[in-house]
N, C-alpha and C. Protein backbone atom coordinates (compact mmCIF):
# COMPACT_ATOMS: atom_id res chain seq x y z
N MET A 1 -9.03 -24.68 -27.92
CA MET A 1 -10.10 -23.70 -27.78
C MET A 1 -9.50 -22.38 -27.29
N ALA A 2 -9.62 -21.36 -28.08
CA ALA A 2 -9.07 -20.05 -27.73
C ALA A 2 -9.96 -19.34 -26.72
N TYR A 3 -9.40 -18.33 -26.11
CA TYR A 3 -10.13 -17.51 -25.15
C TYR A 3 -10.58 -16.22 -25.82
N LYS A 4 -11.60 -15.59 -25.25
CA LYS A 4 -12.13 -14.33 -25.75
C LYS A 4 -12.23 -13.35 -24.59
N ILE A 5 -12.05 -12.07 -24.89
CA ILE A 5 -12.19 -11.02 -23.89
C ILE A 5 -13.51 -10.31 -24.15
N SER A 6 -14.37 -10.28 -23.15
CA SER A 6 -15.70 -9.68 -23.29
C SER A 6 -15.65 -8.17 -23.11
N ASP A 7 -16.81 -7.55 -23.29
CA ASP A 7 -16.93 -6.10 -23.11
C ASP A 7 -16.77 -5.67 -21.66
N ALA A 8 -16.67 -6.63 -20.75
CA ALA A 8 -16.45 -6.31 -19.34
C ALA A 8 -15.00 -5.87 -19.08
N CYS A 9 -14.16 -5.99 -20.09
CA CYS A 9 -12.74 -5.62 -19.98
C CYS A 9 -12.59 -4.17 -19.52
N ILE A 10 -11.74 -3.95 -18.51
CA ILE A 10 -11.50 -2.60 -17.99
C ILE A 10 -10.15 -2.05 -18.47
N CYS A 11 -9.51 -2.73 -19.40
CA CYS A 11 -8.25 -2.29 -20.02
C CYS A 11 -7.12 -2.09 -19.02
N CYS A 12 -7.03 -2.97 -18.03
CA CYS A 12 -5.98 -2.84 -17.03
C CYS A 12 -4.63 -3.39 -17.53
N GLY A 13 -4.67 -4.28 -18.53
CA GLY A 13 -3.44 -4.81 -19.10
C GLY A 13 -2.87 -6.02 -18.38
N THR A 14 -3.50 -6.47 -17.33
CA THR A 14 -2.99 -7.61 -16.57
C THR A 14 -2.87 -8.85 -17.46
N CYS A 15 -3.87 -9.09 -18.28
CA CYS A 15 -3.88 -10.28 -19.13
C CYS A 15 -2.72 -10.28 -20.11
N GLU A 16 -2.41 -9.12 -20.67
CA GLU A 16 -1.33 -9.02 -21.66
C GLU A 16 0.00 -9.48 -21.05
N GLY A 17 0.25 -9.08 -19.82
CA GLY A 17 1.48 -9.46 -19.15
C GLY A 17 1.53 -10.92 -18.76
N GLN A 18 0.38 -11.56 -18.62
CA GLN A 18 0.32 -12.96 -18.21
C GLN A 18 0.42 -13.94 -19.38
N CYS A 19 0.19 -13.49 -20.60
CA CYS A 19 0.18 -14.39 -21.75
C CYS A 19 1.59 -14.82 -22.12
N PRO A 20 1.88 -16.13 -22.05
CA PRO A 20 3.23 -16.62 -22.32
C PRO A 20 3.61 -16.62 -23.80
N VAL A 21 2.63 -16.44 -24.69
CA VAL A 21 2.92 -16.47 -26.13
C VAL A 21 2.66 -15.14 -26.83
N GLY A 22 2.37 -14.10 -26.07
CA GLY A 22 2.16 -12.78 -26.64
C GLY A 22 0.94 -12.66 -27.54
N ALA A 23 -0.12 -13.38 -27.20
CA ALA A 23 -1.32 -13.39 -28.04
C ALA A 23 -2.29 -12.25 -27.72
N ILE A 24 -2.01 -11.46 -26.68
CA ILE A 24 -2.93 -10.41 -26.26
C ILE A 24 -2.34 -9.04 -26.53
N SER A 25 -3.15 -8.17 -27.13
CA SER A 25 -2.73 -6.80 -27.38
C SER A 25 -3.95 -5.88 -27.31
N MET A 26 -3.68 -4.58 -27.21
CA MET A 26 -4.76 -3.61 -27.14
C MET A 26 -5.43 -3.51 -28.50
N GLY A 27 -6.75 -3.61 -28.49
CA GLY A 27 -7.52 -3.51 -29.72
C GLY A 27 -8.34 -2.24 -29.72
N ASP A 28 -9.54 -2.33 -30.21
CA ASP A 28 -10.43 -1.19 -30.31
C ASP A 28 -11.21 -0.98 -29.00
N GLY A 29 -10.60 -0.29 -28.06
CA GLY A 29 -11.26 0.01 -26.79
C GLY A 29 -11.14 -1.07 -25.73
N LYS A 30 -10.54 -2.20 -26.06
CA LYS A 30 -10.31 -3.27 -25.08
C LYS A 30 -9.17 -4.15 -25.60
N PHE A 31 -8.68 -4.99 -24.73
CA PHE A 31 -7.65 -5.91 -25.15
C PHE A 31 -8.28 -7.04 -25.96
N GLU A 32 -7.51 -7.60 -26.89
CA GLU A 32 -8.00 -8.67 -27.75
C GLU A 32 -6.99 -9.81 -27.78
N ILE A 33 -7.50 -11.01 -28.01
CA ILE A 33 -6.65 -12.20 -28.08
C ILE A 33 -6.58 -12.68 -29.52
N ASP A 34 -5.37 -12.85 -30.03
CA ASP A 34 -5.15 -13.37 -31.37
C ASP A 34 -5.35 -14.89 -31.31
N GLU A 35 -6.45 -15.37 -31.87
CA GLU A 35 -6.79 -16.80 -31.80
C GLU A 35 -5.73 -17.69 -32.43
N SER A 36 -5.01 -17.18 -33.42
CA SER A 36 -4.00 -18.00 -34.08
C SER A 36 -2.76 -18.21 -33.21
N LYS A 37 -2.57 -17.34 -32.22
CA LYS A 37 -1.43 -17.46 -31.31
C LYS A 37 -1.80 -18.11 -29.98
N CYS A 38 -3.07 -18.01 -29.58
CA CYS A 38 -3.52 -18.51 -28.28
C CYS A 38 -3.31 -20.02 -28.16
N VAL A 39 -2.71 -20.44 -27.05
CA VAL A 39 -2.47 -21.86 -26.80
C VAL A 39 -3.44 -22.41 -25.74
N SER A 40 -4.45 -21.65 -25.41
CA SER A 40 -5.51 -22.05 -24.48
C SER A 40 -5.00 -22.49 -23.11
N CYS A 41 -3.99 -21.79 -22.61
CA CYS A 41 -3.43 -22.15 -21.31
C CYS A 41 -4.28 -21.63 -20.15
N GLY A 42 -5.05 -20.55 -20.37
CA GLY A 42 -5.90 -20.00 -19.33
C GLY A 42 -5.23 -19.03 -18.38
N SER A 43 -3.96 -18.73 -18.60
CA SER A 43 -3.25 -17.81 -17.71
C SER A 43 -3.92 -16.45 -17.65
N CYS A 44 -4.39 -15.98 -18.78
CA CYS A 44 -5.04 -14.67 -18.83
C CYS A 44 -6.35 -14.66 -18.04
N ALA A 45 -7.13 -15.70 -18.21
CA ALA A 45 -8.43 -15.79 -17.53
C ALA A 45 -8.25 -15.80 -16.01
N GLY A 46 -7.24 -16.51 -15.56
CA GLY A 46 -6.97 -16.58 -14.13
C GLY A 46 -6.48 -15.26 -13.55
N ALA A 47 -5.88 -14.43 -14.39
CA ALA A 47 -5.31 -13.16 -13.93
C ALA A 47 -6.29 -12.00 -14.01
N CYS A 48 -7.32 -12.13 -14.82
CA CYS A 48 -8.25 -11.01 -15.04
C CYS A 48 -9.01 -10.67 -13.75
N PRO A 49 -8.88 -9.42 -13.27
CA PRO A 49 -9.53 -9.04 -12.01
C PRO A 49 -11.05 -8.90 -12.10
N VAL A 50 -11.60 -8.82 -13.31
CA VAL A 50 -13.05 -8.64 -13.46
C VAL A 50 -13.71 -9.82 -14.17
N GLY A 51 -12.97 -10.88 -14.43
CA GLY A 51 -13.55 -12.06 -15.07
C GLY A 51 -14.04 -11.84 -16.50
N ALA A 52 -13.33 -10.96 -17.23
CA ALA A 52 -13.75 -10.62 -18.58
C ALA A 52 -13.28 -11.62 -19.64
N ILE A 53 -12.49 -12.61 -19.24
CA ILE A 53 -11.93 -13.55 -20.21
C ILE A 53 -12.56 -14.93 -20.02
N GLU A 54 -13.10 -15.46 -21.11
CA GLU A 54 -13.78 -16.75 -21.08
C GLU A 54 -13.31 -17.62 -22.22
N SER A 55 -13.39 -18.94 -22.05
CA SER A 55 -13.04 -19.84 -23.15
C SER A 55 -14.12 -19.75 -24.22
N ASP A 56 -13.68 -19.83 -25.45
CA ASP A 56 -14.58 -19.68 -26.58
C ASP A 56 -15.30 -20.98 -26.90
């Protein structure tokens, strides 16, 4: 189950640095997770300071 970044994202970039497989990058106004690369480890969700990342 991949993770998703909601509109609550503040574009701080913390999640991108926490992803061990490089599945997170800046998208259209917020960071986005590439579902094909996501290994559902949850590292990004645990690091997000505003709780913008949830399991899909």
